[in-house]
Amino acid sequence: MALKITDVCVNCDVCEPVCPNQAISLGPEYYVIDPALCTECVGHHDLPQCVEVCPVECIILDEAHPESCEQLELKYRVLMQARENAA
């Protein structure tokens, strides 16, 4: 499942730089996560780094984007291939 940032976000700026897929950006009111880029850090880290650093614990599973571990791994491989092709 992709992750999402709730409106509890205080815009502390710590989540964006730790995202290995550049899935986090500043939205109109608070940070948002692009579900097309979020792999919950599968392929990069054992735990989602944004969740690890968030001081207000506002990053949760996005029930609107259910994905299995296998789907997250496939998304990671596709994202890495696209990154290689762009380089």
PDB file of N, CA and C in Angstrom:
ATOM      1  N   MET A   1       0.831  -1.167   0.000  1.00  0.00           N
ATOM      2  CA  MET A   1       0.000   0.000   0.000  1.00  0.00           C
ATOM      3  C   MET A   1       0.881   1.237   0.000  1.00  0.00           C
ATOM      4  N   ALA A   2       0.498   2.221  -0.718  1.00  0.00           N
ATOM      5  CA  ALA A   2       1.209   3.491  -0.653  1.00  0.00           C
ATOM      6  C   ALA A   2       0.922   4.121   0.703  1.00  0.00           C
ATOM      7  N   LEU A   3       1.696   5.104   1.028  1.00  0.00           N
ATOM      8  CA  LEU A   3       1.499   5.839   2.270  1.00  0.00           C
ATOM      9  C   LEU A   3       0.866   7.184   1.948  1.00  0.00           C
ATOM     10  N   LYS A   4       0.281   7.811   2.964  1.00  0.00           N
ATOM     11  CA  LYS A   4      -0.234   9.159   2.784  1.00  0.00           C
ATOM     12  C   LYS A   4       0.053   9.966   4.030  1.00  0.00           C
ATOM     13  N   ILE A   5       0.086  11.264   3.848  1.00  0.00           N
ATOM     14  CA  ILE A   5       0.345  12.186   4.940  1.00  0.00           C
ATOM     15  C   ILE A   5      -0.979  12.840   5.312  1.00  0.00           C
ATOM     16  N   THR A   6      -1.293  12.809   6.591  1.00  0.00           N
ATOM     17  CA  THR A   6      -2.554  13.380   7.051  1.00  0.00           C
ATOM     18  C   THR A   6      -2.412  14.876   7.326  1.00  0.00           C
ATOM     19  N   ASP A   7      -3.539  15.506   7.595  1.00  0.00           N
ATOM     20  CA  ASP A   7      -3.540  16.942   7.855  1.00  0.00           C
ATOM     21  C   ASP A   7      -2.929  17.316   9.204  1.00  0.00           C
ATOM     22  N   VAL A   8      -2.418  16.345   9.932  1.00  0.00           N
ATOM     23  CA  VAL A   8      -1.691  16.605  11.174  1.00  0.00           C
ATOM     24  C   VAL A   8      -0.274  17.098  10.865  1.00  0.00           C
ATOM     25  N   CYS A   9       0.152  16.955   9.624  1.00  0.00           N
ATOM     26  CA  CYS A   9       1.489  17.367   9.182  1.00  0.00           C
ATOM     27  C   CYS A   9       1.765  18.818   9.588  1.00  0.00           C
ATOM     28  N   VAL A  10       2.963  19.054  10.112  1.00  0.00           N
ATOM     29  CA  VAL A  10       3.362  20.397  10.541  1.00  0.00           C
ATOM     30  C   VAL A  10       4.372  21.023   9.577  1.00  0.00           C
ATOM     31  N   ASN A  11       4.543  20.421   8.400  1.00  0.00           N
ATOM     32  CA  ASN A  11       5.463  20.941   7.385  1.00  0.00           C
ATOM     33  C   ASN A  11       6.879  21.148   7.924  1.00  0.00           C
ATOM     34  N   CYS A  12       7.374  20.150   8.637  1.00  0.00           N
ATOM     35  CA  CYS A  12       8.703  20.263   9.242  1.00  0.00           C
ATOM     36  C   CYS A  12       9.830  19.984   8.255  1.00  0.00           C
ATOM     37  N   ASP A  13       9.495  19.501   7.073  1.00  0.00           N
ATOM     38  CA  ASP A  13      10.453  19.280   5.986  1.00  0.00           C
ATOM     39  C   ASP A  13      11.402  18.095   6.183  1.00  0.00           C
ATOM     40  N   VAL A  14      11.172  17.203   7.121  1.00  0.00           N
ATOM     41  CA  VAL A  14      12.118  16.104   7.317  1.00  0.00           C
ATOM     42  C   VAL A  14      11.812  14.886   6.444  1.00  0.00           C
ATOM     43  N   CYS A  15      10.584  14.726   6.000  1.00  0.00           N
ATOM     44  CA  CYS A  15      10.231  13.531   5.220  1.00  0.00           C
ATOM     45  C   CYS A  15      10.690  13.602   3.765  1.00  0.00           C
ATOM     46  N   GLU A  16      10.564  14.748   3.160  1.00  0.00           N
ATOM     47  CA  GLU A  16      10.861  14.874   1.729  1.00  0.00           C
ATOM     48  C   GLU A  16      12.270  14.415   1.361  1.00  0.00           C
ATOM     49  N   PRO A  17      13.315  14.867   2.048  1.00  0.00           N
ATOM     50  CA  PRO A  17      14.663  14.471   1.622  1.00  0.00           C
ATOM     51  C   PRO A  17      15.012  13.003   1.864  1.00  0.00           C
ATOM     52  N   VAL A  18      14.283  12.303   2.731  1.00  0.00           N
ATOM     53  CA  VAL A  18      14.629  10.901   2.997  1.00  0.00           C
ATOM     54  C   VAL A  18      13.915   9.926   2.063  1.00  0.00           C
ATOM     55  N   CYS A  19      13.008  10.419   1.233  1.00  0.00           N
ATOM     56  CA  CYS A  19      12.271   9.538   0.325  1.00  0.00           C
ATOM     57  C   CYS A  19      13.154   9.159  -0.859  1.00  0.00           C
ATOM     58  N   PRO A  20      13.494   7.879  -1.008  1.00  0.00           N
ATOM     59  CA  PRO A  20      14.381   7.465  -2.093  1.00  0.00           C
ATOM     60  C   PRO A  20      13.734   7.527  -3.479  1.00  0.00           C
ATOM     61  N   ASN A  21      12.421   7.633  -3.531  1.00  0.00           N
ATOM     62  CA  ASN A  21      11.714   7.668  -4.817  1.00  0.00           C
ATOM     63  C   ASN A  21      11.211   9.056  -5.180  1.00  0.00           C
ATOM     64  N   GLN A  22      11.556  10.059  -4.394  1.00  0.00           N
ATOM     65  CA  GLN A  22      11.063  11.421  -4.615  1.00  0.00           C
ATOM     66  C   GLN A  22       9.538  11.458  -4.730  1.00  0.00           C
ATOM     67  N   ALA A  23       8.875  10.667  -3.887  1.00  0.00           N
ATOM     68  CA  ALA A  23       7.420  10.590  -3.906  1.00  0.00           C
ATOM     69  C   ALA A  23       6.756  11.670  -3.056  1.00  0.00           C
ATOM     70  N   ILE A  24       7.539  12.375  -2.246  1.00  0.00           N
ATOM     71  CA  ILE A  24       6.979  13.360  -1.323  1.00  0.00           C
ATOM     72  C   ILE A  24       7.259  14.770  -1.834  1.00  0.00           C
ATOM     73  N   SER A  25       6.209  15.589  -1.825  1.00  0.00           N
ATOM     74  CA  SER A  25       6.361  16.984  -2.227  1.00  0.00           C
ATOM     75  C   SER A  25       5.430  17.846  -1.385  1.00  0.00           C
ATOM     76  N   LEU A  26       5.693  19.135  -1.408  1.00  0.00           N
ATOM     77  CA  LEU A  26       4.859  20.064  -0.660  1.00  0.00           C
ATOM     78  C   LEU A  26       3.571  20.294  -1.426  1.00  0.00           C
ATOM     79  N   GLY A  27       2.455  20.008  -0.759  1.00  0.00           N
ATOM     80  CA  GLY A  27       1.150  20.236  -1.357  1.00  0.00           C
ATOM     81  C   GLY A  27       0.658  21.634  -1.015  1.00  0.00           C
ATOM     82  N   PRO A  28      -0.610  21.925  -1.307  1.00  0.00           N
ATOM     83  CA  PRO A  28      -1.139  23.260  -1.045  1.00  0.00           C
ATOM     84  C   PRO A  28      -1.146  23.641   0.442  1.00  0.00           C
ATOM     85  N   GLU A  29      -1.328  22.635   1.312  1.00  0.00           N
ATOM     86  CA  GLU A  29      -1.389  22.934   2.741  1.00  0.00           C
ATOM     87  C   GLU A  29      -0.320  22.202   3.554  1.00  0.00           C
ATOM     88  N   TYR A  30       0.032  21.006   3.112  1.00  0.00           N
ATOM     89  CA  TYR A  30       1.036  20.197   3.802  1.00  0.00           C
ATOM     90  C   TYR A  30       1.623  19.211   2.808  1.00  0.00           C
ATOM     91  N   TYR A  31       2.627  18.479   3.220  1.00  0.00           N
ATOM     92  CA  TYR A  31       3.288  17.530   2.322  1.00  0.00           C
ATOM     93  C   TYR A  31       2.334  16.432   1.877  1.00  0.00           C
ATOM     94  N   VAL A  32       2.560  15.946   0.659  1.00  0.00           N
ATOM     95  CA  VAL A  32       1.754  14.872   0.082  1.00  0.00           C
ATOM     96  C   VAL A  32       2.684  13.807  -0.489  1.00  0.00           C
ATOM     97  N   ILE A  33       2.149  12.606  -0.627  1.00  0.00           N
ATOM     98  CA  ILE A  33       2.896  11.485  -1.197  1.00  0.00           C
ATOM     99  C   ILE A  33       2.204  11.045  -2.482  1.00  0.00           C
ATOM    100  N   ASP A  34       2.969  10.956  -3.556  1.00  0.00           N
ATOM    101  CA  ASP A  34       2.448  10.486  -4.839  1.00  0.00           C
ATOM    102  C   ASP A  34       2.388   8.960  -4.782  1.00  0.00           C
ATOM    103  N   PRO A  35       1.184   8.382  -4.787  1.00  0.00           N
ATOM    104  CA  PRO A  35       1.075   6.927  -4.676  1.00  0.00           C
ATOM    105  C   PRO A  35       1.714   6.174  -5.841  1.00  0.00           C
ATOM    106  N   ALA A  36       1.859   6.825  -6.979  1.00  0.00           N
ATOM    107  CA  ALA A  36       2.499   6.181  -8.134  1.00  0.00           C
ATOM    108  C   ALA A  36       3.999   6.011  -7.917  1.00  0.00           C
ATOM    109  N   LEU A  37       4.579   6.794  -7.001  1.00  0.00           N
ATOM    110  CA  LEU A  37       6.018   6.713  -6.739  1.00  0.00           C
ATOM    111  C   LEU A  37       6.346   6.061  -5.400  1.00  0.00           C
ATOM    112  N   CYS A  38       5.372   5.932  -4.531  1.00  0.00           N
ATOM    113  CA  CYS A  38       5.624   5.386  -3.190  1.00  0.00           C
ATOM    114  C   CYS A  38       5.692   3.862  -3.221  1.00  0.00           C
ATOM    115  N   THR A  39       6.807   3.333  -2.733  1.00  0.00           N
ATOM    116  CA  THR A  39       6.966   1.879  -2.603  1.00  0.00           C
ATOM    117  C   THR A  39       7.121   1.480  -1.140  1.00  0.00           C
ATOM    118  N   GLU A  40       6.800   2.406  -0.218  1.00  0.00           N
ATOM    119  CA  GLU A  40       7.027   2.182   1.212  1.00  0.00           C
ATOM    120  C   GLU A  40       8.493   1.829   1.467  1.00  0.00           C
ATOM    121  N   CYS A  41       9.354   2.331   0.618  1.00  0.00           N
ATOM    122  CA  CYS A  41      10.807   2.119   0.658  1.00  0.00           C
ATOM    123  C   CYS A  41      11.223   0.678   0.342  1.00  0.00           C
ATOM    124  N   VAL A  42      10.291  -0.129  -0.162  1.00  0.00           N
ATOM    125  CA  VAL A  42      10.642  -1.480  -0.607  1.00  0.00           C
ATOM    126  C   VAL A  42      11.728  -1.351  -1.668  1.00  0.00           C
ATOM    127  N   GLY A  43      12.764  -2.150  -1.536  1.00  0.00           N
ATOM    128  CA  GLY A  43      13.891  -2.102  -2.456  1.00  0.00           C
ATOM    129  C   GLY A  43      14.997  -1.179  -1.990  1.00  0.00           C
ATOM    130  N   HIS A  44      14.688  -0.307  -1.060  1.00  0.00           N
ATOM    131  CA  HIS A  44      15.672   0.644  -0.549  1.00  0.00           C
ATOM    132  C   HIS A  44      16.001   0.404   0.927  1.00  0.00           C
ATOM    133  N   HIS A  45      14.951   0.284   1.741  1.00  0.00           N
ATOM    134  CA  HIS A  45      15.108   0.184   3.196  1.00  0.00           C
ATOM    135  C   HIS A  45      14.108  -0.825   3.759  1.00  0.00           C
ATOM    136  N   ASP A  46      14.378  -1.284   4.960  1.00  0.00           N
ATOM    137  CA  ASP A  46      13.475  -2.229   5.615  1.00  0.00           C
ATOM    138  C   ASP A  46      12.184  -1.559   6.084  1.00  0.00           C
ATOM    139  N   LEU A  47      12.267  -0.284   6.426  1.00  0.00           N
ATOM    140  CA  LEU A  47      11.106   0.463   6.917  1.00  0.00           C
ATOM    141  C   LEU A  47      10.959   1.745   6.120  1.00  0.00           C
ATOM    142  N   PRO A  48       9.719   2.237   5.963  1.00  0.00           N
ATOM    143  CA  PRO A  48       9.532   3.513   5.277  1.00  0.00           C
ATOM    144  C   PRO A  48      10.259   4.630   6.030  1.00  0.00           C
ATOM    145  N   GLN A  49      11.161   5.289   5.350  1.00  0.00           N
ATOM    146  CA  GLN A  49      11.986   6.299   5.993  1.00  0.00           C
ATOM    147  C   GLN A  49      11.191   7.519   6.436  1.00  0.00           C
ATOM    148  N   CYS A  50      10.161   7.889   5.685  1.00  0.00           N
ATOM    149  CA  CYS A  50       9.351   9.042   6.078  1.00  0.00           C
ATOM    150  C   CYS A  50       8.654   8.784   7.408  1.00  0.00           C
ATOM    151  N   VAL A  51       8.174   7.571   7.587  1.00  0.00           N
ATOM    152  CA  VAL A  51       7.517   7.204   8.848  1.00  0.00           C
ATOM    153  C   VAL A  51       8.524   7.246   9.991  1.00  0.00           C
ATOM    154  N   GLU A  52       9.730   6.794   9.714  1.00  0.00           N
ATOM    155  CA  GLU A  52      10.778   6.759  10.745  1.00  0.00           C
ATOM    156  C   GLU A  52      11.150   8.155  11.241  1.00  0.00           C
ATOM    157  N   VAL A  53      11.158   9.141  10.359  1.00  0.00           N
ATOM    158  CA  VAL A  53      11.615  10.474  10.755  1.00  0.00           C
ATOM    159  C   VAL A  53      10.493  11.433  11.151  1.00  0.00           C
ATOM    160  N   CYS A  54       9.264  11.093  10.868  1.00  0.00           N
ATOM    161  CA  CYS A  54       8.142  12.011  11.125  1.00  0.00           C
ATOM    162  C   CYS A  54       7.955  12.243  12.627  1.00  0.00           C
ATOM    163  N   PRO A  55       8.099  13.489  13.077  1.00  0.00           N
ATOM    164  CA  PRO A  55       7.980  13.765  14.510  1.00  0.00           C
ATOM    165  C   PRO A  55       6.541  13.781  15.031  1.00  0.00           C
ATOM    166  N   VAL A  56       5.561  13.884  14.130  1.00  0.00           N
ATOM    167  CA  VAL A  56       4.169  13.950  14.585  1.00  0.00           C
ATOM    168  C   VAL A  56       3.361  12.717  14.188  1.00  0.00           C
ATOM    169  N   GLU A  57       4.031  11.731  13.633  1.00  0.00           N
ATOM    170  CA  GLU A  57       3.406  10.457  13.261  1.00  0.00           C
ATOM    171  C   GLU A  57       2.148  10.651  12.411  1.00  0.00           C
ATOM    172  N   CYS A  58       2.282  11.452  11.348  1.00  0.00           N
ATOM    173  CA  CYS A  58       1.127  11.738  10.496  1.00  0.00           C
ATOM    174  C   CYS A  58       1.145  10.959   9.182  1.00  0.00           C
ATOM    175  N   ILE A  59       2.057  10.000   9.035  1.00  0.00           N
ATOM    176  CA  ILE A  59       2.145   9.237   7.789  1.00  0.00           C
ATOM    177  C   ILE A  59       1.581   7.846   8.034  1.00  0.00           C
ATOM    178  N   ILE A  60       0.529   7.527   7.279  1.00  0.00           N
ATOM    179  CA  ILE A  60      -0.214   6.285   7.481  1.00  0.00           C
ATOM    180  C   ILE A  60      -0.382   5.550   6.150  1.00  0.00           C
ATOM    181  N   LEU A  61      -0.854   4.317   6.226  1.00  0.00           N
ATOM    182  CA  LEU A  61      -1.160   3.566   5.009  1.00  0.00           C
ATOM    183  C   LEU A  61      -2.323   4.227   4.284  1.00  0.00           C
ATOM    184  N   ASP A  62      -2.226   4.292   2.976  1.00  0.00           N
ATOM    185  CA  ASP A  62      -3.277   4.881   2.146  1.00  0.00           C
ATOM    186  C   ASP A  62      -4.206   3.766   1.687  1.00  0.00           C
ATOM    187  N   GLU A  63      -5.316   3.638   2.363  1.00  0.00           N
ATOM    188  CA  GLU A  63      -6.279   2.564   2.062  1.00  0.00           C
ATOM    189  C   GLU A  63      -6.824   2.664   0.634  1.00  0.00           C
ATOM    190  N   ALA A  64      -6.735   3.825   0.026  1.00  0.00           N
ATOM    191  CA  ALA A  64      -7.230   4.005  -1.342  1.00  0.00           C
ATOM    192  C   ALA A  64      -6.289   3.387  -2.378  1.00  0.00           C
ATOM    193  N   HIS A  65      -5.091   3.016  -1.941  1.00  0.00           N
ATOM    194  CA  HIS A  65      -4.099   2.443  -2.864  1.00  0.00           C
ATOM    195  C   HIS A  65      -3.519   1.145  -2.288  1.00  0.00           C
ATOM    196  N   PRO A  66      -4.338   0.104  -2.193  1.00  0.00           N
ATOM    197  CA  PRO A  66      -3.830  -1.162  -1.653  1.00  0.00           C
ATOM    198  C   PRO A  66      -2.863  -1.840  -2.622  1.00  0.00           C
ATOM    199  N   GLU A  67      -1.725  -2.285  -2.087  1.00  0.00           N
ATOM    200  CA  GLU A  67      -0.728  -2.993  -2.891  1.00  0.00           C
ATOM    201  C   GLU A  67      -0.080  -4.064  -2.025  1.00  0.00           C
ATOM    202  N   SER A  68       0.157  -5.197  -2.625  1.00  0.00           N
ATOM    203  CA  SER A  68       0.858  -6.268  -1.919  1.00  0.00           C
ATOM    204  C   SER A  68       2.354  -5.980  -1.931  1.00  0.00           C
ATOM    205  N   CYS A  69       3.091  -6.721  -1.155  1.00  0.00           N
ATOM    206  CA  CYS A  69       4.543  -6.584  -1.130  1.00  0.00           C
ATOM    207  C   CYS A  69       5.110  -6.860  -2.526  1.00  0.00           C
ATOM    208  N   GLU A  70       4.553  -7.834  -3.219  1.00  0.00           N
ATOM    209  CA  GLU A  70       5.000  -8.160  -4.569  1.00  0.00           C
ATOM    210  C   GLU A  70       4.750  -6.996  -5.524  1.00  0.00           C
ATOM    211  N   GLN A  71       3.609  -6.340  -5.387  1.00  0.00           N
ATOM    212  CA  GLN A  71       3.303  -5.197  -6.239  1.00  0.00           C
ATOM    213  C   GLN A  71       4.253  -4.031  -5.955  1.00  0.00           C
ATOM    214  N   LEU A  72       4.576  -3.831  -4.681  1.00  0.00           N
ATOM    215  CA  LEU A  72       5.519  -2.779  -4.316  1.00  0.00           C
ATOM    216  C   LEU A  72       6.906  -3.083  -4.878  1.00  0.00           C
ATOM    217  N   GLU A  73       7.314  -4.343  -4.839  1.00  0.00           N
ATOM    218  CA  GLU A  73       8.608  -4.732  -5.401  1.00  0.00           C
ATOM    219  C   GLU A  73       8.634  -4.510  -6.910  1.00  0.00           C
ATOM    220  N   LEU A  74       7.554  -4.840  -7.587  1.00  0.00           N
ATOM    221  CA  LEU A  74       7.466  -4.617  -9.032  1.00  0.00           C
ATOM    222  C   LEU A  74       7.518  -3.115  -9.334  1.00  0.00           C
ATOM    223  N   LYS A  75       6.783  -2.315  -8.574  1.00  0.00           N
ATOM    224  CA  LYS A  75       6.808  -0.863  -8.780  1.00  0.00           C
ATOM    225  C   LYS A  75       8.223  -0.330  -8.591  1.00  0.00           C
ATOM    226  N   TYR A  76       8.930  -0.830  -7.570  1.00  0.00           N
ATOM    227  CA  TYR A  76      10.317  -0.424  -7.336  1.00  0.00           C
ATOM    228  C   TYR A  76      11.174  -0.729  -8.560  1.00  0.00           C
ATOM    229  N   ARG A  77      11.060  -1.951  -9.109  1.00  0.00           N
ATOM    230  CA  ARG A  77      11.868  -2.328 -10.275  1.00  0.00           C
ATOM    231  C   ARG A  77      11.548  -1.450 -11.489  1.00  0.00           C
ATOM    232  N   VAL A  78      10.272  -1.162 -11.700  1.00  0.00           N
ATOM    233  CA  VAL A  78       9.863  -0.311 -12.821  1.00  0.00           C
ATOM    234  C   VAL A  78      10.421   1.097 -12.644  1.00  0.00           C
ATOM    235  N   LEU A  79      10.333   1.641 -11.428  1.00  0.00           N
ATOM    236  CA  LEU A  79      10.864   2.979 -11.157  1.00  0.00           C
ATOM    237  C   LEU A  79      12.376   3.034 -11.366  1.00  0.00           C
ATOM    238  N   MET A  80      13.081   2.000 -10.929  1.00  0.00           N
ATOM    239  CA  MET A  80      14.536   1.982 -11.091  1.00  0.00           C
ATOM    240  C   MET A  80      14.920   1.849 -12.559  1.00  0.00           C
ATOM    241  N   GLN A  81      14.171   1.072 -13.324  1.00  0.00           N
ATOM    242  CA  GLN A  81      14.441   0.932 -14.751  1.00  0.00           C
ATOM    243  C   GLN A  81      14.198   2.261 -15.459  1.00  0.00           C
ATOM    244  N   ALA A  82      13.126   2.948 -15.109  1.00  0.00           N
ATOM    245  CA  ALA A  82      12.835   4.256 -15.712  1.00  0.00           C
ATOM    246  C   ALA A  82      13.942   5.250 -15.362  1.00  0.00           C
ATOM    247  N   ARG A  83      14.439   5.193 -14.143  1.00  0.00           N
ATOM    248  CA  ARG A  83      15.526   6.096 -13.726  1.00  0.00           C
ATOM    249  C   ARG A  83      16.786   5.811 -14.533  1.00  0.00           C
ATOM    250  N   GLU A  84      17.103   4.526 -14.746  1.00  0.00           N
ATOM    251  CA  GLU A  84      18.281   4.154 -15.536  1.00  0.00           C
ATOM    252  C   GLU A  84      18.133   4.611 -16.979  1.00  0.00           C
ATOM    253  N   ASN A  85      16.953   4.450 -17.529  1.00  0.00           N
ATOM    254  CA  ASN A  85      16.716   4.841 -18.927  1.00  0.00           C
ATOM    255  C   ASN A  85      16.803   6.351 -19.102  1.00  0.00           C
ATOM    256  N   ALA A  86      16.454   7.099 -18.081  1.00  0.00           N
ATOM    257  CA  ALA A  86      16.495   8.563 -18.154  1.00  0.00           C
ATOM    258  C   ALA A  86      17.921   9.102 -18.019  1.00  0.00           C
ATOM    259  N   ALA A  87      18.793   8.297 -17.434  1.00  0.00           N
ATOM    260  CA  ALA A  87      20.174   8.771 -17.201  1.00  0.00           C
ATOM    261  C   ALA A  87      21.040   8.699 -18.441  1.00  0.00           C
TER     262      ALA A  87
END
